[in-house]
C-alpha atoms as a PDB file:
ATOM      1  CA  LEU A   1     -26.914  12.009  -9.269  1.00  0.00           C
ATOM      2  CA  PRO A   2     -28.397  11.438  -5.732  1.00  0.00           C
ATOM      3  CA  GLY A   3     -31.035   9.192  -7.323  1.00  0.00           C
ATOM      4  CA  LEU A   4     -28.340   7.231  -9.164  1.00  0.00           C
ATOM      5  CA  LEU A   5     -26.332   6.746  -5.963  1.00  0.00           C
ATOM      6  CA  ARG A   6     -29.365   5.253  -4.195  1.00  0.00           C
ATOM      7  CA  ASN A   7     -29.336   2.405  -6.744  1.00  0.00           C
ATOM      8  CA  TYR A   8     -25.974   1.188  -5.448  1.00  0.00           C
ATOM      9  CA  ALA A   9     -24.798  -0.080  -2.106  1.00  0.00           C
ATOM     10  CA  PRO A  10     -21.791   1.705  -0.522  1.00  0.00           C
ATOM     11  CA  ALA A  11     -19.619  -1.305  -1.405  1.00  0.00           C
ATOM     12  CA  GLU A  12     -20.583  -0.822  -5.040  1.00  0.00           C
ATOM     13  CA  ILE A  13     -19.702   2.919  -5.242  1.00  0.00           C
ATOM     14  CA  PHE A  14     -16.081   3.654  -6.109  1.00  0.00           C
ATOM     15  CA  ALA A  15     -14.208   6.893  -6.524  1.00  0.00           C
ATOM     16  CA  CYS A  16     -10.851   7.334  -8.155  1.00  0.00           C
ATOM     17  CA  GLY A  17      -8.457  10.188  -8.595  1.00  0.00           C
ATOM     18  CA  GLU A  18      -4.742  11.139  -8.681  1.00  0.00           C
ATOM     19  CA  THR A  19      -2.335  12.505  -6.207  1.00  0.00           C
ATOM     20  CA  ALA A  20       1.440  13.053  -6.330  1.00  0.00           C
ATOM     21  CA  VAL A  21       4.228  12.083  -3.921  1.00  0.00           C
ATOM     22  CA  LEU A  22       7.846  13.112  -3.884  1.00  0.00           C
ATOM     23  CA  LEU A  23      10.628  10.634  -4.303  1.00  0.00           C
ATOM     24  CA  PRO A  24      13.758  10.743  -2.179  1.00  0.00           C
ATOM     25  CA  ALA A  25      16.938  11.769  -4.018  1.00  0.00           C
ATOM     26  CA  SER A  26      18.646   8.853  -5.694  1.00  0.00           C
ATOM     27  CA  ALA A  27      21.644   7.440  -3.920  1.00  0.00           C
ATOM     28  CA  PRO A  28      25.031   8.194  -5.506  1.00  0.00           C
ATOM     29  CA  GLY A  29      26.364   5.465  -7.751  1.00  0.00           C
ATOM     30  CA  LYS A  30      23.107   3.722  -8.514  1.00  0.00           C
ATOM     31  CA  GLY A  31      23.131   4.922 -12.060  1.00  0.00           C
ATOM     32  CA  GLU A  32      19.362   5.402 -12.112  1.00  0.00           C
ATOM     33  CA  SER A  33      17.305   8.570 -12.380  1.00  0.00           C
ATOM     34  CA  THR A  34      13.752   7.946 -11.166  1.00  0.00           C
ATOM     35  CA  GLY A  35      12.566  11.588 -11.399  1.00  0.00           C
ATOM     36  CA  GLU A  36      11.360  13.718  -8.568  1.00  0.00           C
ATOM     37  CA  ARG A  37       7.794  12.517  -8.125  1.00  0.00           C
ATOM     38  CA  LEU A  38       5.274   9.764  -8.763  1.00  0.00           C
ATOM     39  CA  THR A  39       1.675  10.242  -9.700  1.00  0.00           C
ATOM     40  CA  LEU A  40      -0.596   7.746  -7.853  1.00  0.00           C
ATOM     41  CA  LEU A  41      -4.004   6.629  -9.081  1.00  0.00           C
ATOM     42  CA  LEU A  42      -6.118   5.872  -6.004  1.00  0.00           C
ATOM     43  CA  CYS A  43      -9.428   4.001  -6.026  1.00  0.00           C
ATOM     44  CA  ALA A  44     -11.564   2.737  -3.169  1.00  0.00           C
ATOM     45  CA  ASN A  45     -15.209   2.040  -2.437  1.00  0.00           C
ATOM     46  CA  ALA A  46     -17.547   3.983  -0.137  1.00  0.00           C
ATOM     47  CA  SER A  47     -17.687   1.253   2.552  1.00  0.00           C
ATOM     48  CA  GLY A  48     -13.898   1.115   2.797  1.00  0.00           C
ATOM     49  CA  SER A  49     -14.014  -2.614   2.242  1.00  0.00           C
ATOM     50  CA  GLU A  50     -12.051  -2.591  -1.013  1.00  0.00           C
ATOM     51  CA  LYS A  51      -8.955  -0.609  -1.953  1.00  0.00           C
ATOM     52  CA  VAL A  52      -7.795  -1.173  -5.518  1.00  0.00           C
ATOM     53  CA  PRO A  53      -4.031  -1.783  -5.744  1.00  0.00           C
ATOM     54  CA  LEU A  54      -2.053   1.404  -6.367  1.00  0.00           C
ATOM     55  CA  ARG A  55      -1.107   2.443  -9.907  1.00  0.00           C
ATOM     56  CA  ALA A  56       2.046   4.505  -9.878  1.00  0.00           C
ATOM     57  CA  VAL A  57       3.166   6.621 -12.882  1.00  0.00           C
ATOM     58  CA  GLY A  58       6.782   7.817 -13.124  1.00  0.00           C
ATOM     59  CA  ASP A  59       9.016   9.196 -15.831  1.00  0.00           C
ATOM     60  CA  SER A  60      11.446   6.303 -16.086  1.00  0.00           C
ATOM     61  CA  PRO A  61      10.347   3.863 -18.823  1.00  0.00           C
ATOM     62  CA  ARG A  62      12.660   1.001 -17.716  1.00  0.00           C
ATOM     63  CA  PRO A  63      13.791   1.424 -14.126  1.00  0.00           C
ATOM     64  CA  ARG A  64      16.819  -0.736 -13.456  1.00  0.00           C
ATOM     65  CA  CYS A  65      15.546  -1.673  -9.970  1.00  0.00           C
ATOM     66  CA  LEU A  66      12.435  -3.374 -11.524  1.00  0.00           C
ATOM     67  CA  ARG A  67      14.440  -5.815 -13.627  1.00  0.00           C
ATOM     68  CA  GLY A  68      13.698  -9.416 -12.674  1.00  0.00           C
ATOM     69  CA  VAL A  69      10.625  -8.455 -10.653  1.00  0.00           C
ATOM     70  CA  ASN A  70       7.502 -10.461 -11.389  1.00  0.00           C
ATOM     71  CA  LEU A  71       5.414  -7.314 -11.905  1.00  0.00           C
ATOM     72  CA  GLU A  72       2.163  -9.162 -12.500  1.00  0.00           C
ATOM     73  CA  GLN A  73       2.188 -10.410  -8.904  1.00  0.00           C
ATOM     74  CA  MET A  74       3.079  -7.171  -7.079  1.00  0.00           C
ATOM     75  CA  PRO A  75       0.544  -5.400  -4.792  1.00  0.00           C
ATOM     76  CA  TRP A  76       1.174  -2.295  -6.914  1.00  0.00           C
ATOM     77  CA  SER A  77       1.733  -1.521 -10.606  1.00  0.00           C
ATOM     78  CA  TYR A  78       4.073   0.910 -12.330  1.00  0.00           C
ATOM     79  CA  ARG A  79       3.820   2.674 -15.650  1.00  0.00           C
ATOM     80  CA  ALA A  80       5.900   5.405 -17.302  1.00  0.00           C
ATOM     81  CA  GLY A  81       4.056   8.525 -18.373  1.00  0.00           C
ATOM     82  CA  SER A  82       4.799  11.964 -19.788  1.00  0.00           C
ATOM     83  CA  LEU A  83       6.470  14.054 -17.050  1.00  0.00           C
ATOM     84  CA  ALA A  84       5.386  11.340 -14.585  1.00  0.00           C
ATOM     85  CA  GLY A  85       1.723  12.276 -15.251  1.00  0.00           C
ATOM     86  CA  LEU A  86      -1.287  10.118 -15.980  1.00  0.00           C
ATOM     87  CA  THR A  87      -2.212  10.189 -19.638  1.00  0.00           C
ATOM     88  CA  ALA A  88      -5.476   9.228 -21.321  1.00  0.00           C
ATOM     89  CA  PRO A  89      -4.052   5.944 -22.728  1.00  0.00           C
ATOM     90  CA  LEU A  90      -2.715   4.944 -19.296  1.00  0.00           C
ATOM     91  CA  PHE A  91      -6.044   5.733 -17.650  1.00  0.00           C
ATOM     92  CA  ALA A  92      -8.004   3.791 -20.283  1.00  0.00           C
ATOM     93  CA  GLU A  93      -5.685   0.776 -19.666  1.00  0.00           C
ATOM     94  CA  TRP A  94      -6.385   1.020 -15.907  1.00  0.00           C
ATOM     95  CA  LEU A  95     -10.136   1.328 -16.553  1.00  0.00           C
ATOM     96  CA  ARG A  96     -10.203  -1.870 -18.638  1.00  0.00           C
ATOM     97  CA  GLU A  97      -8.274  -3.735 -15.944  1.00  0.00           C
ATOM     98  CA  PHE A  98     -10.627  -2.419 -13.213  1.00  0.00           C
ATOM     99  CA  ASN A  99     -13.658  -3.443 -15.267  1.00  0.00           C
ATOM    100  CA  GLU A 100     -12.196  -6.934 -15.803  1.00  0.00           C
ATOM    101  CA  GLY A 101     -11.645  -7.239 -12.041  1.00  0.00           C
ATOM    102  CA  MET A 102     -15.278  -6.337 -11.359  1.00  0.00           C
ATOM    103  CA  ARG A 103     -16.478  -8.797 -14.009  1.00  0.00           C
ATOM    104  CA  ARG A 104     -14.526 -11.595 -12.415  1.00  0.00           C
ATOM    105  CA  GLN A 105     -16.147 -10.763  -9.087  1.00  0.00           C
ATOM    106  CA  GLY A 106     -19.594 -10.627 -10.708  1.00  0.00           C
ATOM    107  CA  LYS A 107     -20.065  -7.014  -9.619  1.00  0.00           C
ATOM    108  CA  SER A 108     -21.643  -4.029 -11.360  1.00  0.00           C
ATOM    109  CA  VAL A 109     -20.311  -0.848  -9.810  1.00  0.00           C
ATOM    110  CA  LEU A 110     -20.485   2.936 -10.073  1.00  0.00           C
ATOM    111  CA  LEU A 111     -17.231   4.842 -10.590  1.00  0.00           C
ATOM    112  CA  LEU A 112     -17.149   8.526  -9.608  1.00  0.00           C
ATOM    113  CA  LEU A 113     -14.376  10.699 -11.033  1.00  0.00           C
ATOM    114  CA  ALA A 114     -13.608  14.275 -12.042  1.00  0.00           C
ATOM    115  CA  LYS A 115     -13.890  15.339 -15.644  1.00  0.00           C
ATOM    116  CA  HIS A 116     -10.400  15.711 -17.074  1.00  0.00           C
ATOM    117  CA  GLU A 117      -8.673  15.388 -20.414  1.00  0.00           C
ATOM    118  CA  ALA A 118      -6.770  12.410 -19.046  1.00  0.00           C
ATOM    119  CA  HIS A 119     -10.065  10.643 -18.086  1.00  0.00           C
ATOM    120  CA  PRO A 120     -11.634   9.291 -21.288  1.00  0.00           C
ATOM    121  CA  TYR A 121     -15.152   7.875 -21.119  1.00  0.00           C
ATOM    122  CA  LEU A 122     -15.383   4.148 -21.939  1.00  0.00           C
ATOM    123  CA  GLN A 123     -18.471   2.029 -22.337  1.00  0.00           C
ATOM    124  CA  LEU A 124     -17.682  -0.788 -19.905  1.00  0.00           C
ATOM    125  CA  SER A 125     -19.581  -3.980 -19.102  1.00  0.00           C
ATOM    126  CA  ASN A 126     -19.412  -3.845 -15.275  1.00  0.00           C
ATOM    127  CA  VAL A 127     -18.428  -0.278 -14.534  1.00  0.00           C
ATOM    128  CA  ARG A 128     -20.664   2.779 -14.990  1.00  0.00           C
ATOM    129  CA  MET A 129     -18.561   5.911 -15.113  1.00  0.00           C
ATOM    130  CA  VAL A 130     -20.013   9.133 -13.752  1.00  0.00           C
ATOM    131  CA  PHE A 131     -18.152  12.472 -14.063  1.00  0.00           C
ATOM    132  CA  VAL A 132     -18.949  14.612 -11.066  1.00  0.00           C
ATOM    133  CA  PRO A 133     -19.341  18.274 -12.100  1.00  0.00           C
ATOM    134  CA  PRO A 134     -17.215  20.618  -9.944  1.00  0.00           C
ATOM    135  CA  ALA A 135     -20.151  22.968  -9.425  1.00  0.00           C
ATOM    136  CA  THR A 136     -22.145  20.346  -7.436  1.00  0.00           C
ATOM    137  CA  ALA A 137     -22.089  20.013  -3.720  1.00  0.00           C
ATOM    138  CA  LEU A 138     -20.703  16.500  -4.120  1.00  0.00           C
ATOM    139  CA  ALA A 139     -16.966  16.569  -3.564  1.00  0.00           C
ATOM    140  CA  GLN A 140     -14.244  14.131  -4.389  1.00  0.00           C
ATOM    141  CA  PRO A 141     -13.897  11.738  -1.419  1.00  0.00           C
ATOM    142  CA  LEU A 142     -10.187  11.324  -1.960  1.00  0.00           C
ATOM    143  CA  ASP A 143      -9.710  15.039  -1.282  1.00  0.00           C
ATOM    144  CA  ARG A 144     -11.520  14.802   2.028  1.00  0.00           C
ATOM    145  CA  GLY A 145      -8.610  13.131   3.774  1.00  0.00           C
ATOM    146  CA  ILE A 146      -7.871   9.802   2.048  1.00  0.00           C
ATOM    147  CA  ALA A 147      -4.958  11.093  -0.057  1.00  0.00           C
ATOM    148  CA  SER A 148      -3.453  13.108   2.782  1.00  0.00           C
ATOM    149  CA  ASP A 149      -3.654  10.116   5.142  1.00  0.00           C
ATOM    150  CA  LEU A 150      -1.829   7.942   2.588  1.00  0.00           C
ATOM    151  CA  LYS A 151       0.879  10.584   2.271  1.00  0.00           C
ATOM    152  CA  GLY A 152       1.236  10.787   6.054  1.00  0.00           C
ATOM    153  CA  HIS A 153       1.772   7.013   6.320  1.00  0.00           C
ATOM    154  CA  TYR A 154       4.248   7.214   3.389  1.00  0.00           C
ATOM    155  CA  ARG A 155       6.275   9.998   5.096  1.00  0.00           C
ATOM    156  CA  ARG A 156       6.298   8.017   8.302  1.00  0.00           C
ATOM    157  CA  ARG A 157       7.780   4.978   6.529  1.00  0.00           C
ATOM    158  CA  LEU A 158      10.315   7.094   4.754  1.00  0.00           C
ATOM    159  CA  LEU A 159      11.553   8.573   8.058  1.00  0.00           C
ATOM    160  CA  ARG A 160      11.704   5.045   9.454  1.00  0.00           C
ATOM    161  CA  TRP A 161      14.103   3.939   6.731  1.00  0.00           C
ATOM    162  CA  LEU A 162      17.287   2.713   8.402  1.00  0.00           C
ATOM    163  CA  PRO A 163      20.252   2.761   5.963  1.00  0.00           C
ATOM    164  CA  ALA A 164      22.706   1.498   8.527  1.00  0.00           C
ATOM    165  CA  GLU A 165      20.707  -1.635   9.303  1.00  0.00           C
ATOM    166  CA  ARG A 166      19.654  -2.240   5.687  1.00  0.00           C
ATOM    167  CA  GLY A 167      23.147  -1.680   4.273  1.00  0.00           C
ATOM    168  CA  ALA A 168      21.836   0.754   1.643  1.00  0.00           C
ATOM    169  CA  GLY A 169      21.574   4.472   0.978  1.00  0.00           C
ATOM    170  CA  GLN A 170      18.453   6.236  -0.104  1.00  0.00           C
ATOM    171  CA  PRO A 171      15.533   3.969  -0.962  1.00  0.00           C
ATOM    172  CA  SER A 172      15.204   2.998  -4.622  1.00  0.00           C
ATOM    173  CA  LEU A 173      12.072   3.325  -6.696  1.00  0.00           C
ATOM    174  CA  LEU A 174      11.293  -0.306  -5.901  1.00  0.00           C
ATOM    175  CA  ASP A 175      11.620   0.381  -2.153  1.00  0.00           C
ATOM    176  CA  VAL A 176       9.304   3.395  -2.531  1.00  0.00           C
ATOM    177  CA  LEU A 177       6.639   1.350  -4.419  1.00  0.00           C
ATOM    178  CA  HIS A 178       6.624  -1.164  -1.571  1.00  0.00           C
ATOM    179  CA  MET A 179       6.403   1.649   1.037  1.00  0.00           C
ATOM    180  CA  LEU A 180       3.464   3.211  -0.848  1.00  0.00           C
ATOM    181  CA  ALA A 181       1.645  -0.170  -0.965  1.00  0.00           C
ATOM    182  CA  GLN A 182       2.177  -0.480   2.820  1.00  0.00           C
ATOM    183  CA  ALA A 183       0.957   3.114   3.333  1.00  0.00           C
ATOM    184  CA  TRP A 184      -2.146   2.388   1.265  1.00  0.00           C
ATOM    185  CA  GLY A 185      -2.774  -0.631   3.456  1.00  0.00           C
ATOM    186  CA  ASP A 186      -2.356   1.629   6.542  1.00  0.00           C
ATOM    187  CA  VAL A 187      -5.301   3.808   5.504  1.00  0.00           C
ATOM    188  CA  HIS A 188      -8.147   2.656   7.732  1.00  0.00           C
ATOM    189  CA  PRO A 189     -11.412   1.516   6.139  1.00  0.00           C
ATOM    190  CA  GLY A 190     -13.317   3.620   8.620  1.00  0.00           C
ATOM    191  CA  LEU A 191     -11.487   6.720   7.482  1.00  0.00           C
ATOM    192  CA  ILE A 192     -12.360   5.978   3.870  1.00  0.00           C
ATOM    193  CA  ALA A 193     -16.036   5.494   4.717  1.00  0.00           C
ATOM    194  CA  SER A 194     -16.199   8.697   6.701  1.00  0.00           C
ATOM    195  CA  CYS A 195     -14.562  10.682   3.826  1.00  0.00           C
ATOM    196  CA  PHE A 196     -17.229   9.377   1.421  1.00  0.00           C
ATOM    197  CA  ARG A 197     -19.929  10.450   3.907  1.00  0.00           C
ATOM    198  CA  ALA A 198     -18.319  13.886   4.273  1.00  0.00           C
ATOM    199  CA  ALA A 199     -18.350  14.217   0.463  1.00  0.00           C
ATOM    200  CA  GLY A 200     -22.076  13.500   0.427  1.00  0.00           C
ATOM    201  CA  VAL A 201     -21.745  10.196  -1.457  1.00  0.00           C
ATOM    202  CA  THR A 202     -23.288   7.970   1.234  1.00  0.00           C
ATOM    203  CA  PRO A 203     -25.746   8.803   4.086  1.00  0.00           C
ATOM    204  CA  ASP A 204     -24.202   9.977   7.342  1.00  0.00           C
ATOM    205  CA  ALA A 205     -25.589   7.183   9.397  1.00  0.00           C
ATOM    206  CA  GLY A 206     -24.011   5.960  12.617  1.00  0.00           C
ATOM    207  CA  ALA A 207     -20.383   6.231  11.545  1.00  0.00           C
ATOM    208  CA  GLU A 208     -18.014   3.787  13.249  1.00  0.00           C
ATOM    209  CA  ALA A 209     -15.155   5.216  15.187  1.00  0.00           C
ATOM    210  CA  VAL A 210     -12.024   5.758  13.095  1.00  0.00           C
ATOM    211  CA  SER A 211      -8.726   4.563  14.609  1.00  0.00           C
ATOM    212  CA  LEU A 212      -5.547   5.608  12.875  1.00  0.00           C
ATOM    213  CA  THR A 213      -3.092   4.311  15.516  1.00  0.00           C
ATOM    214  CA  SER A 214      -2.033   1.249  13.526  1.00  0.00           C
ATOM    215  CA  ALA A 215      -2.889  -0.553  10.327  1.00  0.00           C
ATOM    216  CA  PRO A 216      -5.387  -3.424  10.615  1.00  0.00           C
ATOM    217  CA  GLY A 217      -3.714  -6.799  10.893  1.00  0.00           C
ATOM    218  CA  LEU A 218      -0.446  -5.508  12.422  1.00  0.00           C
ATOM    219  CA  LEU A 219       0.794  -6.930  15.717  1.00  0.00           C
ATOM    220  CA  SER A 220       0.846  -4.529  18.639  1.00  0.00           C
ATOM    221  CA  ARG A 221       3.833  -4.387  20.984  1.00  0.00           C
ATOM    222  CA  GLU A 222       1.715  -5.966  23.757  1.00  0.00           C
ATOM    223  CA  GLN A 223       0.768  -8.831  21.441  1.00  0.00           C
ATOM    224  CA  LEU A 224       4.433  -9.391  20.580  1.00  0.00           C
ATOM    225  CA  GLN A 225       5.367  -9.488  24.221  1.00  0.00           C
ATOM    226  CA  ARG A 226       2.441 -11.759  25.119  1.00  0.00           C
ATOM    227  CA  ASP A 227       3.182 -14.125  22.251  1.00  0.00           C
ATOM    228  CA  GLY A 228       6.924 -14.199  22.882  1.00  0.00           C
ATOM    229  CA  ASP A 229       8.888 -17.081  24.248  1.00  0.00           C
ATOM    230  CA  PRO A 230       7.906 -17.421  27.962  1.00  0.00           C
ATOM    231  CA  ALA A 231      11.104 -19.347  28.704  1.00  0.00           C
ATOM    232  CA  GLY A 232      13.234 -16.429  27.610  1.00  0.00           C
ATOM    233  CA  ALA A 233      11.079 -13.753  29.249  1.00  0.00           C
ATOM    234  CA  ASP A 234      12.651 -14.113  32.667  1.00  0.00           C
ATOM    235  CA  GLY A 235      16.236 -14.076  31.485  1.00  0.00           C
ATOM    236  CA  ASP A 236      18.813 -16.855  31.521  1.00  0.00           C
ATOM    237  CA  GLU A 237      17.557 -19.776  33.557  1.00  0.00           C
ATOM    238  CA  GLY A 238      20.679 -21.874  32.978  1.00  0.00           C
ATOM    239  CA  MET A 239      20.784 -25.175  31.139  1.00  0.00           C
ATOM    240  CA  ALA A 240      17.519 -27.060  31.034  1.00  0.00           C
ATOM    241  CA  GLU A 241      17.374 -30.484  32.658  1.00  0.00           C
ATOM    242  CA  GLY A 242      18.977 -33.084  30.434  1.00  0.00           C
ATOM    243  CA  GLU A 243      20.743 -30.534  28.226  1.00  0.00           C
ATOM    244  CA  ASP A 244      24.506 -30.969  27.985  1.00  0.00           C
ATOM    245  CA  ALA A 245      27.159 -28.446  27.062  1.00  0.00           C
ATOM    246  CA  GLY A 246      27.395 -29.817  23.481  1.00  0.00           C
ATOM    247  CA  GLU A 247      23.742 -29.155  22.811  1.00  0.00           C
ATOM    248  CA  LEU A 248      24.057 -25.637  24.238  1.00  0.00           C
ATOM    249  CA  ALA A 249      27.074 -24.840  22.114  1.00  0.00           C
ATOM    250  CA  ALA A 250      25.113 -25.828  19.005  1.00  0.00           C
ATOM    251  CA  VAL A 251      22.598 -23.007  19.533  1.00  0.00           C
ATOM    252  CA  PRO A 252      23.373 -20.233  17.048  1.00  0.00           C
ATOM    253  CA  PRO A 253      23.996 -16.771  18.495  1.00  0.00           C
ATOM    254  CA  CYS A 254      21.297 -14.132  18.362  1.00  0.00           C
ATOM    255  CA  PRO A 255      21.554 -12.254  15.024  1.00  0.00           C
ATOM    256  CA  SER A 256      22.145  -8.489  14.952  1.00  0.00           C
ATOM    257  CA  GLU A 257      19.509  -6.120  13.623  1.00  0.00           C
ATOM    258  CA  ARG A 258      21.633  -5.574  10.524  1.00  0.00           C
ATOM    259  CA  GLU A 259      21.657  -9.302   9.832  1.00  0.00           C
ATOM    260  CA  VAL A 260      17.900  -9.469  10.320  1.00  0.00           C
ATOM    261  CA  TRP A 261      17.270  -6.620   7.848  1.00  0.00           C
ATOM    262  CA  ARG A 262      19.596  -8.235   5.308  1.00  0.00           C
ATOM    263  CA  SER A 263      17.688 -11.480   5.665  1.00  0.00           C
ATOM    264  CA  LEU A 264      14.393  -9.650   5.179  1.00  0.00           C
ATOM    265  CA  ALA A 265      15.836  -7.955   2.080  1.00  0.00           C
ATOM    266  CA  THR A 266      16.797 -11.347   0.725  1.00  0.00           C
ATOM    267  CA  LEU A 267      13.314 -12.707   1.403  1.00  0.00           C
ATOM    268  CA  ARG A 268      11.685  -9.728  -0.278  1.00  0.00           C
ATOM    269  CA  ARG A 269      13.841 -10.158  -3.319  1.00  0.00           C
ATOM    270  CA  TYR A 270      12.912 -13.833  -3.486  1.00  0.00           C
ATOM    271  CA  LEU A 271       9.216 -12.901  -3.387  1.00  0.00           C
ATOM    272  CA  GLU A 272       9.695 -10.231  -6.012  1.00  0.00           C
ATOM    273  CA  CYS A 273      11.095 -12.830  -8.365  1.00  0.00           C
ATOM    274  CA  GLN A 274       8.970 -15.861  -7.390  1.00  0.00           C
ATOM    275  CA  ALA A 275       5.712 -14.614  -5.847  1.00  0.00           C
ATOM    276  CA  THR A 276       2.565 -16.229  -7.263  1.00  0.00           C
ATOM    277  CA  SER A 277       0.099 -13.848  -5.607  1.00  0.00           C
ATOM    278  CA  PRO A 278       0.159 -10.227  -4.356  1.00  0.00           C
ATOM    279  CA  ASP A 279      -1.278 -11.477  -1.041  1.00  0.00           C
ATOM    280  CA  LEU A 280       2.138 -12.955  -0.161  1.00  0.00           C
ATOM    281  CA  PHE A 281       3.465  -9.449   0.158  1.00  0.00           C
ATOM    282  CA  GLN A 282       0.746  -8.523   2.665  1.00  0.00           C
ATOM    283  CA  ALA A 283       2.149 -11.266   4.942  1.00  0.00           C
ATOM    284  CA  PHE A 284       5.685  -9.982   4.311  1.00  0.00           C
ATOM    285  CA  TYR A 285       4.691  -6.420   5.107  1.00  0.00           C
ATOM    286  CA  GLU A 286       3.220  -7.496   8.446  1.00  0.00           C
ATOM    287  CA  LEU A 287       6.451  -9.420   9.205  1.00  0.00           C
ATOM    288  CA  GLU A 288       8.552  -6.293   8.399  1.00  0.00           C
ATOM    289  CA  ASP A 289       6.352  -4.100  10.638  1.00  0.00           C
ATOM    290  CA  ALA A 290       6.655  -6.671  13.448  1.00  0.00           C
ATOM    291  CA  VAL A 291      10.455  -6.540  13.199  1.00  0.00           C
ATOM    292  CA  HIS A 292      10.250  -2.720  13.318  1.00  0.00           C
ATOM    293  CA  MET A 293       8.269  -2.898  16.519  1.00  0.00           C
ATOM    294  CA  VAL A 294      10.777  -5.262  18.105  1.00  0.00           C
ATOM    295  CA  SER A 295      13.701  -3.058  16.991  1.00  0.00           C
ATOM    296  CA  ALA A 296      12.007   0.006  18.486  1.00  0.00           C
ATOM    297  CA  GLY A 297      11.732  -1.733  21.882  1.00  0.00           C
END
């Protein structure tokens, strides 16, 4: 196995595995039972440069909240499995999709995974599957901190849920899937690379510092303040020169936080129905996080 690993660059070595997360209790009156947990299939490469979109498996075959959603363009995917667990047919489906993605990128990669009855071996064109024996010193990188970091970000986003502002009760399965996609994006590439090194998959050479304070691409509070409107930073300066009372009266009032969250919910629903690329949701997630920062002061 060490000799096989040397034939691939860190960006070409992937590891996949499952972890489970708990769902919040369904809100009364929604008429939907989503079960108590989701099984997540995680996959990332050893350099941390590529995180495969999450595959979530639940026990509800036709969740009401997913009706009308353009599922092919979401930054996550959902399947129904037996007792919310990953089955061999579901994993084989994911393997073929993963292989097709590598084929489109012109990559030949190594995929490390644990031997399990739900992990069938497939002969694939661009993915070489390697089952790592549990007796070897090589450990599963996902168990070295990647899965737990994802769960920590997911719990933080659950605690941040504001029913009063959003005009809703407990988050639905659709809300949870979006939160999990955001939490997966919060997992820092440096952390992923260090977990692969700790598992013995890649050489422990000059690891970059790992920062878990914020997800890459998010705006910091200082950036928000620096990029804000300088005219409004010093308070009310009165009417500008040449501005009459009629023009001032036409300025709409500042919206409340509840109105802002309702507008964001409307925008998210529009994207769920009309999005042409999962990348659109990455921009939406950053916008939502920026609003959270402003709301928190």
